Amino acid sequence: MNRDLVAGNGHDFFPAYEGMPAPDAEAIWMNKVVTIPGHGPNANELVLITAHMDSISPQHSTNAPGAEDNASGVAALMEAARWFRLYKFDRTIKIIFFTGEEQGLYGSKAYVASHPSEMPNIVGVVNLDMFGYDADNDRCFELHVGTLSASRRVGTCFTDVIDNYDLNLTYDYLTNTATSASDHSSFWRINVGAIEVLENSFYNPGYGCQGILDDNPYYHTINDKVAYMNLPVTHAIAMGGIGTAASLASPMGKCFTEDLKVTAVSSGIAVNLSWTHLNDADVYNVYRSSASDGEYTRIAQVPESSYQDTDVEAGQTYHYKVQAAETDFVCFSPLSESASATVGEEPVLFSIYIPMIIAGD
């Protein structure tokens, strides 16, 4: 995981939002990039799943909740990161949180400009921007695919995921009328295949949404809140986007085929943990909690399949989980089931006094 620093390359798309100063073209833009390295023969090829993490409103500096635009996309990327780290893929995946989208696609334009050698290796880009509003509950949204053949590959993959996983979604599959008003268009400009996933915002008769508009009236306002979103539909569309990126990257199976099984045994003022070594594991992360359903905190990272926890108190029950990691490829096992132990009392050492009776005359 790294912070990607890229220089802005001009303001040529959106005007600055009313009341907001135009960004400095020479500013440094910070995109968050999470890389899941590929394991297969096509590891040099890239699949990008992206979303912008900035939001806007007339009170942009103090009150711009941005629940749909674009916490919907950001939440999907976080879920993608949570799941992708558990699997091996043939191709490398980049999960990118763009900045400056609302001001003119600054983060994505700068990313493209700063990584020219990467662009020919991109198989496709799934851009998730504002897809959580569905007031009429028709479960219909828009796929802005555009006219590039490489984009159609991504769009077709998305529709296949909807069908194969029974996501119960309908959509407008847009080519000539596709919008360029989001970060995907930064890739279109250099002929990289990309799609935009959007709520039902445009009038497109003859497609899945039947030409019925259902756009978010709270868009770019202080009321863009979770309360106005259709969360089941948001979840299904997010699944479609994550599944599309995974499919394009060609899954090769779990990082670890076996599950970790952990035992915890109290021994004096300590807890001894042990588990079976997993093939390809470089290190093990050890987590602890004071409650079985509480928050677990990492307390150690060890290369061995055992650990002694001495930072404990007598009479206290501790709960442990362990996770295997293959550090070279950012590959992890799921957290193990919890193992618990109650620390006993510290043993007391007694000195035995044996008086010496000296007999004498």
Protein backbone atom coordinates (compact mmCIF):
# COMPACT_ATOMS: atom_id res chain seq x y z
CA MET A 1 0.00 0.00 0.00
CA ASN A 2 1.41 3.41 -0.84
CA ARG A 3 0.50 7.04 -1.23
CA ASP A 4 0.86 8.06 -4.83
CA LEU A 5 2.08 11.63 -5.33
CA VAL A 6 1.38 13.09 -8.75
CA ALA A 7 1.57 16.58 -10.20
CA GLY A 8 -1.54 18.29 -11.56
CA ASN A 9 -1.62 18.76 -15.33
CA GLY A 10 -4.04 21.58 -15.98
CA HIS A 11 -7.69 22.45 -15.53
CA ASP A 12 -9.51 21.63 -18.73
CA PHE A 13 -12.64 19.69 -17.81
CA PHE A 14 -14.96 21.07 -15.15
CA PRO A 15 -15.07 24.70 -14.05
CA ALA A 16 -14.40 25.26 -10.37
CA TYR A 17 -17.50 24.81 -8.23
CA GLU A 18 -19.16 28.15 -7.51
CA GLY A 19 -17.40 29.80 -4.59
CA MET A 20 -14.45 27.42 -4.74
CA PRO A 21 -11.13 28.71 -6.07
CA ALA A 22 -9.74 26.84 -9.07
CA PRO A 23 -6.98 24.42 -8.05
CA ASP A 24 -3.39 25.29 -8.78
CA ALA A 25 -2.33 23.39 -11.92
CA GLU A 26 1.07 22.73 -10.34
CA ALA A 27 -0.36 21.42 -7.07
CA ILE A 28 0.61 18.01 -5.72
CA TRP A 29 -2.33 15.61 -5.78
CA MET A 30 -2.41 12.64 -3.42
CA ASN A 31 -4.13 9.48 -4.62
CA LYS A 32 -4.24 6.45 -2.37
CA VAL A 33 -3.10 3.36 -4.31
CA VAL A 34 -3.42 -0.19 -2.97
CA THR A 35 -1.58 -2.74 -5.12
CA ILE A 36 -2.40 -6.46 -5.13
CA PRO A 37 0.54 -7.99 -7.07
CA GLY A 38 -0.28 -10.62 -9.66
CA HIS A 39 0.88 -14.19 -9.14
CA GLY A 40 0.57 -15.50 -12.69
CA PRO A 41 2.33 -15.21 -16.05
CA ASN A 42 0.41 -12.00 -16.79
CA ALA A 43 1.39 -10.23 -13.57
CA ASN A 44 2.70 -7.31 -15.64
CA GLU A 45 -0.87 -6.60 -16.82
CA LEU A 46 -3.07 -4.38 -14.68
CA VAL A 47 -6.72 -4.16 -13.68
CA LEU A 48 -7.80 -0.92 -12.00
CA ILE A 49 -10.84 -0.43 -9.77
CA THR A 50 -11.25 3.24 -8.89
CA ALA A 51 -13.39 5.83 -7.14
CA HIS A 52 -12.94 9.45 -6.07
CA MET A 53 -12.79 10.18 -2.37
CA ASP A 54 -13.58 13.91 -2.41
CA SER A 55 -17.08 15.33 -2.06
CA ILE A 56 -18.69 18.71 -2.55
CA SER A 57 -21.65 20.92 -1.62
CA PRO A 58 -22.40 24.63 -1.40
CA GLN A 59 -20.78 24.35 2.05
CA HIS A 60 -17.88 22.29 0.77
CA SER A 61 -15.39 23.30 3.46
CA THR A 62 -17.67 22.53 6.41
CA ASN A 63 -20.53 20.27 5.33
CA ALA A 64 -20.18 17.98 2.32
CA PRO A 65 -21.20 14.50 3.52
CA GLY A 66 -21.04 12.93 0.06
CA ALA A 67 -22.71 9.66 1.09
CA GLU A 68 -23.58 8.65 -2.46
CA ASP A 69 -21.11 10.94 -4.24
CA ASN A 70 -18.86 9.29 -3.54
CA ALA A 71 -18.79 7.28 -0.32
CA SER A 72 -20.64 4.59 -2.29
CA GLY A 73 -17.56 4.12 -4.48
CA VAL A 74 -15.07 4.48 -1.63
CA ALA A 75 -16.88 1.86 0.47
CA ALA A 76 -16.79 -0.53 -2.49
CA LEU A 77 -13.02 -0.03 -2.86
CA MET A 78 -12.48 -0.71 0.84
CA GLU A 79 -14.49 -3.91 0.54
CA ALA A 80 -12.48 -4.88 -2.55
CA ALA A 81 -9.25 -4.41 -0.61
CA ARG A 82 -10.59 -6.54 2.24
CA TRP A 83 -11.41 -9.45 -0.07
CA PHE A 84 -8.68 -9.24 -2.72
CA ARG A 85 -5.90 -9.65 -0.16
CA LEU A 86 -7.15 -13.18 0.52
CA TYR A 87 -6.77 -14.38 -3.09
CA LYS A 88 -4.15 -14.85 -5.76
CA PHE A 89 -4.76 -13.33 -9.19
CA ASP A 90 -2.98 -13.80 -12.48
CA ARG A 91 -2.90 -10.05 -13.14
CA THR A 92 -1.98 -7.22 -10.79
CA ILE A 93 -4.87 -5.23 -9.33
CA LYS A 94 -4.63 -1.57 -8.37
CA ILE A 95 -7.32 -0.13 -6.10
CA ILE A 96 -7.11 3.64 -6.55
CA PHE A 97 -8.80 6.35 -4.48
CA PHE A 98 -8.64 9.49 -6.63
CA THR A 99 -8.68 13.06 -5.33
CA GLY A 100 -9.82 16.28 -7.00
CA GLU A 101 -12.54 14.71 -9.15
CA GLU A 102 -15.09 17.36 -8.25
CA GLN A 103 -12.70 20.13 -9.26
CA GLY A 104 -11.84 18.72 -12.67
CA LEU A 105 -10.72 15.07 -12.53
CA TYR A 106 -7.38 16.21 -11.21
CA GLY A 107 -6.34 13.03 -9.45
CA SER A 108 -7.08 10.69 -12.37
CA LYS A 109 -5.63 13.02 -15.03
CA ALA A 110 -2.47 13.42 -12.99
CA TYR A 111 -2.23 9.66 -12.40
CA VAL A 112 -2.43 8.98 -16.13
CA ALA A 113 0.13 11.68 -16.90
CA SER A 114 2.55 10.42 -14.25
CA HIS A 115 2.45 6.72 -15.19
CA PRO A 116 2.82 6.62 -19.00
CA SER A 117 4.65 3.27 -19.02
CA GLU A 118 1.78 1.66 -17.09
CA MET A 119 -1.01 2.66 -19.48
CA PRO A 120 -0.36 0.05 -22.27
CA ASN A 121 -0.52 -2.72 -19.67
CA ILE A 122 -3.98 -1.83 -18.34
CA VAL A 123 -6.56 -4.47 -19.24
CA GLY A 124 -9.46 -2.39 -17.97
CA VAL A 125 -10.66 0.20 -15.46
CA VAL A 126 -13.84 -0.11 -13.37
CA ASN A 127 -14.72 3.37 -12.10
CA LEU A 128 -17.36 3.47 -9.33
CA ASP A 129 -18.86 6.92 -8.92
CA MET A 130 -22.23 7.61 -7.34
CA PHE A 131 -24.43 4.51 -7.55
CA GLY A 132 -26.38 4.33 -4.28
CA TYR A 133 -29.63 6.19 -5.05
CA ASP A 134 -32.69 4.27 -6.27
CA ALA A 135 -35.89 5.90 -5.05
CA ASP A 136 -38.21 3.86 -7.28
CA ASN A 137 -36.46 0.62 -6.27
CA ASP A 138 -36.32 -0.71 -9.83
CA ARG A 139 -32.70 -1.80 -9.25
CA CYS A 140 -31.65 -0.13 -12.48
CA PHE A 141 -28.42 1.81 -12.97
CA GLU A 142 -26.20 3.02 -15.80
CA LEU A 143 -23.07 1.47 -17.30
CA HIS A 144 -21.24 4.16 -19.26
CA VAL A 145 -19.09 2.03 -21.52
CA GLY A 146 -18.26 4.34 -24.41
CA THR A 147 -17.06 3.30 -27.86
CA LEU A 148 -13.62 1.79 -27.27
CA SER A 149 -13.48 -1.96 -27.89
CA ALA A 150 -11.35 -2.31 -24.73
CA SER A 151 -14.13 -0.61 -22.75
CA ARG A 152 -16.73 -2.98 -24.16
CA ARG A 153 -14.69 -5.88 -22.81
CA VAL A 154 -15.00 -4.38 -19.32
CA GLY A 155 -18.70 -3.57 -19.78
CA THR A 156 -19.50 -7.09 -21.00
CA CYS A 157 -17.63 -8.55 -18.06
CA PHE A 158 -19.79 -6.46 -15.71
CA THR A 159 -23.05 -7.65 -17.28
CA ASP A 160 -21.80 -11.26 -17.16
CA VAL A 161 -21.10 -10.87 -13.44
CA ILE A 162 -24.65 -9.59 -12.91
CA ASP A 163 -26.03 -12.66 -14.68
CA ASN A 164 -23.65 -15.25 -13.26
CA TYR A 165 -24.14 -14.17 -9.66
CA ASP A 166 -27.88 -13.41 -9.88
CA LEU A 167 -27.48 -9.84 -8.61
CA ASN A 168 -31.02 -8.94 -9.77
CA LEU A 169 -29.95 -5.70 -11.44
CA THR A 170 -30.96 -4.06 -14.69
CA TYR A 171 -28.98 -1.38 -16.49
CA ASP A 172 -28.61 1.05 -19.35
CA TYR A 173 -25.57 -0.11 -21.36
CA LEU A 174 -24.43 3.17 -22.90
CA THR A 175 -21.92 3.56 -25.72
CA ASN A 176 -22.34 6.61 -27.98
CA THR A 177 -24.26 8.50 -25.30
CA ALA A 178 -21.92 7.59 -22.44
CA THR A 179 -20.93 10.43 -20.14
CA SER A 180 -17.34 11.61 -19.77
CA ALA A 181 -18.03 13.38 -16.47
CA SER A 182 -15.96 11.20 -14.15
CA ASP A 183 -12.48 9.75 -13.71
CA HIS A 184 -12.93 6.98 -16.31
CA SER A 185 -12.67 9.58 -19.09
CA SER A 186 -9.06 10.31 -18.14
CA PHE A 187 -8.33 6.79 -19.41
CA TRP A 188 -10.58 7.09 -22.47
CA ARG A 189 -8.47 10.01 -23.67
CA ILE A 190 -5.45 7.73 -24.04
CA ASN A 191 -7.47 4.79 -25.42
CA VAL A 192 -7.44 2.70 -22.24
CA GLY A 193 -10.61 0.66 -21.72
CA ALA A 194 -12.73 1.96 -18.84
CA ILE A 195 -16.33 2.11 -17.69
CA GLU A 196 -18.27 4.37 -15.34
CA VAL A 197 -20.83 2.88 -12.94
CA LEU A 198 -23.56 5.42 -12.12
CA GLU A 199 -27.06 5.70 -10.72
CA ASN A 200 -29.96 6.20 -13.16
CA SER A 201 -29.19 9.85 -13.96
CA PHE A 202 -29.71 10.29 -17.71
CA TYR A 203 -32.69 9.98 -20.04
CA ASN A 204 -32.01 6.91 -22.17
CA PRO A 205 -35.22 5.47 -23.67
CA GLY A 206 -35.01 1.98 -25.08
CA TYR A 207 -32.65 0.62 -22.44
CA GLY A 208 -33.11 -1.32 -19.21
CA CYS A 209 -34.26 1.64 -17.14
CA GLN A 210 -37.01 2.36 -19.70
CA GLY A 211 -36.08 6.01 -20.00
CA ILE A 212 -37.25 6.68 -16.44
CA LEU A 213 -35.09 9.21 -14.62
CA ASP A 214 -34.31 8.51 -10.98
CA ASP A 215 -31.44 10.85 -10.19
CA ASN A 216 -30.48 11.90 -6.69
CA PRO A 217 -32.02 15.29 -5.81
CA TYR A 218 -29.49 15.63 -2.97
CA TYR A 219 -26.50 15.37 -5.33
CA HIS A 220 -23.83 17.99 -4.47
CA THR A 221 -25.83 19.24 -1.47
CA ILE A 222 -25.45 19.08 2.29
CA ASN A 223 -28.15 16.38 2.31
CA ASP A 224 -26.26 13.73 0.35
CA LYS A 225 -26.65 11.33 3.26
CA VAL A 226 -26.93 7.59 3.79
CA ALA A 227 -30.57 8.01 4.82
CA TYR A 228 -31.52 8.75 1.20
CA MET A 229 -29.65 5.81 -0.32
CA ASN A 230 -31.03 2.41 -1.29
CA LEU A 231 -28.49 0.25 0.52
CA PRO A 232 -29.53 -3.18 -0.86
CA VAL A 233 -29.14 -1.86 -4.41
CA THR A 234 -25.88 -0.10 -3.48
CA HIS A 235 -24.57 -3.40 -2.15
CA ALA A 236 -25.54 -5.34 -5.28
CA ILE A 237 -23.92 -2.82 -7.64
CA ALA A 238 -20.77 -2.77 -5.50
CA MET A 239 -20.67 -6.57 -5.75
CA GLY A 240 -20.91 -6.22 -9.52
CA GLY A 241 -17.99 -3.79 -9.67
CA ILE A 242 -15.79 -5.85 -7.35
CA GLY A 243 -16.67 -9.05 -9.21
CA THR A 244 -15.82 -7.43 -12.54
CA ALA A 245 -12.36 -6.35 -11.37
CA ALA A 246 -11.72 -9.80 -9.92
CA SER A 247 -12.85 -11.53 -13.11
CA LEU A 248 -10.67 -9.34 -15.31
CA ALA A 249 -7.69 -10.12 -13.08
CA SER A 250 -8.30 -13.90 -13.40
CA PRO A 251 -8.53 -15.44 -9.91
CA MET A 252 -6.14 -18.30 -9.16
CA GLY A 253 -7.59 -19.37 -5.82
CA LYS A 254 -7.08 -18.48 -2.18
CA CYS A 255 -3.71 -17.34 -0.88
CA PHE A 256 -3.78 -20.26 1.54
CA THR A 257 -5.83 -23.38 0.93
CA GLU A 258 -5.94 -24.39 4.60
CA ASP A 259 -7.41 -22.52 7.56
CA LEU A 260 -5.35 -21.69 10.61
CA LYS A 261 -6.26 -23.52 13.81
CA VAL A 262 -4.93 -21.91 16.96
CA THR A 263 -4.63 -23.23 20.50
CA ALA A 264 -4.08 -21.09 23.59
CA VAL A 265 -2.84 -22.52 26.89
CA SER A 266 -2.23 -20.62 30.10
CA SER A 267 1.15 -21.26 31.71
CA GLY A 268 1.85 -19.26 34.81
CA ILE A 269 1.69 -15.55 34.02
CA ALA A 270 1.72 -16.14 30.27
CA VAL A 271 -0.34 -17.60 27.45
CA ASN A 272 1.31 -20.00 25.00
CA LEU A 273 -0.12 -19.92 21.48
CA SER A 274 0.56 -22.47 18.76
CA TRP A 275 -0.76 -23.27 15.29
CA THR A 276 0.02 -25.44 12.28
CA HIS A 277 2.44 -23.90 9.80
CA LEU A 278 0.87 -23.05 6.42
CA ASN A 279 2.82 -23.57 3.21
CA ASP A 280 4.10 -20.28 1.68
CA ALA A 281 3.49 -18.32 4.90
CA ASP A 282 6.34 -15.91 5.64
CA VAL A 283 5.00 -14.41 8.86
CA TYR A 284 2.05 -14.70 11.22
CA ASN A 285 0.14 -11.77 12.67
CA VAL A 286 -1.09 -12.37 16.23
CA TYR A 287 -4.15 -10.46 17.43
CA ARG A 288 -5.61 -10.23 20.93
CA SER A 289 -8.82 -9.02 22.53
CA SER A 290 -10.18 -8.92 26.08
CA ALA A 291 -13.62 -9.96 24.79
CA SER A 292 -14.47 -12.66 22.25
CA ASP A 293 -16.67 -10.25 20.30
CA GLY A 294 -14.48 -7.22 20.97
CA GLU A 295 -11.90 -5.41 18.88
CA TYR A 296 -8.74 -7.38 18.17
CA THR A 297 -5.40 -5.59 18.19
CA ARG A 298 -2.23 -6.94 16.63
CA ILE A 299 0.32 -7.64 19.35
CA ALA A 300 3.02 -9.45 17.39
CA GLN A 301 4.30 -10.56 14.00
CA VAL A 302 6.43 -13.71 14.12
CA PRO A 303 7.95 -16.10 11.56
CA GLU A 304 7.36 -19.17 13.74
CA SER A 305 4.12 -21.05 14.33
CA SER A 306 4.06 -20.24 18.05
CA TYR A 307 4.08 -17.24 20.33
CA GLN A 308 4.17 -16.62 24.09
CA ASP A 309 2.15 -13.67 25.33
CA THR A 310 3.67 -12.42 28.60
CA ASP A 311 1.95 -9.03 28.69
CA VAL A 312 -0.99 -10.42 30.64
CA GLU A 313 -2.61 -10.16 34.06
CA ALA A 314 -3.57 -12.95 36.45
CA GLY A 315 -7.25 -13.86 36.45
CA GLN A 316 -7.86 -12.22 33.06
CA THR A 317 -9.26 -14.08 30.04
CA TYR A 318 -7.71 -13.29 26.66
CA HIS A 319 -8.89 -14.14 23.16
CA TYR A 320 -6.53 -14.61 20.22
CA LYS A 321 -6.69 -14.80 16.44
CA VAL A 322 -3.83 -15.44 14.02
CA GLN A 323 -3.40 -14.58 10.35
CA ALA A 324 -0.80 -15.96 7.93
CA ALA A 325 0.83 -13.66 5.39
CA GLU A 326 2.89 -14.11 2.26
CA THR A 327 4.67 -10.77 2.36
CA ASP A 328 6.17 -10.73 -1.14
CA PHE A 329 2.74 -10.82 -2.77
CA VAL A 330 0.51 -9.05 -0.21
CA CYS A 331 -1.40 -12.28 0.30
CA PHE A 332 -3.17 -13.16 3.56
CA SER A 333 -5.19 -15.92 5.14
CA PRO A 334 -8.51 -15.15 6.81
CA LEU A 335 -8.25 -14.57 10.53
CA SER A 336 -8.39 -17.83 12.45
CA GLU A 337 -11.19 -18.76 14.78
CA SER A 338 -10.72 -17.34 18.27
CA ALA A 339 -8.74 -19.28 20.88
CA SER A 340 -9.07 -18.28 24.53
CA ALA A 341 -7.19 -18.77 27.77
CA THR A 342 -7.55 -17.53 31.33
CA VAL A 343 -4.31 -16.57 33.01
CA GLY A 344 -3.72 -18.33 36.36
CA GLU A 345 -2.30 -16.85 39.53
CA GLU A 346 1.42 -16.26 39.63
CA PRO A 347 3.11 -19.11 41.48
CA VAL A 348 4.41 -18.18 44.94
CA LEU A 349 7.80 -19.51 46.01
CA PHE A 350 7.90 -20.53 49.70
CA SER A 351 11.09 -20.70 51.74
CA ILE A 352 11.03 -23.63 54.13
CA TYR A 353 12.81 -22.94 57.43
CA ILE A 354 14.13 -26.00 59.13
CA PRO A 355 15.57 -25.15 62.53
CA MET A 356 18.74 -26.83 63.45
CA ILE A 357 18.72 -28.39 66.91
CA ILE A 358 22.16 -28.86 68.12
CA ALA A 359 22.42 -31.33 70.86
CA GLY A 360 25.06 -30.65 73.37
CA ASP A 361 26.19 -31.59 76.73
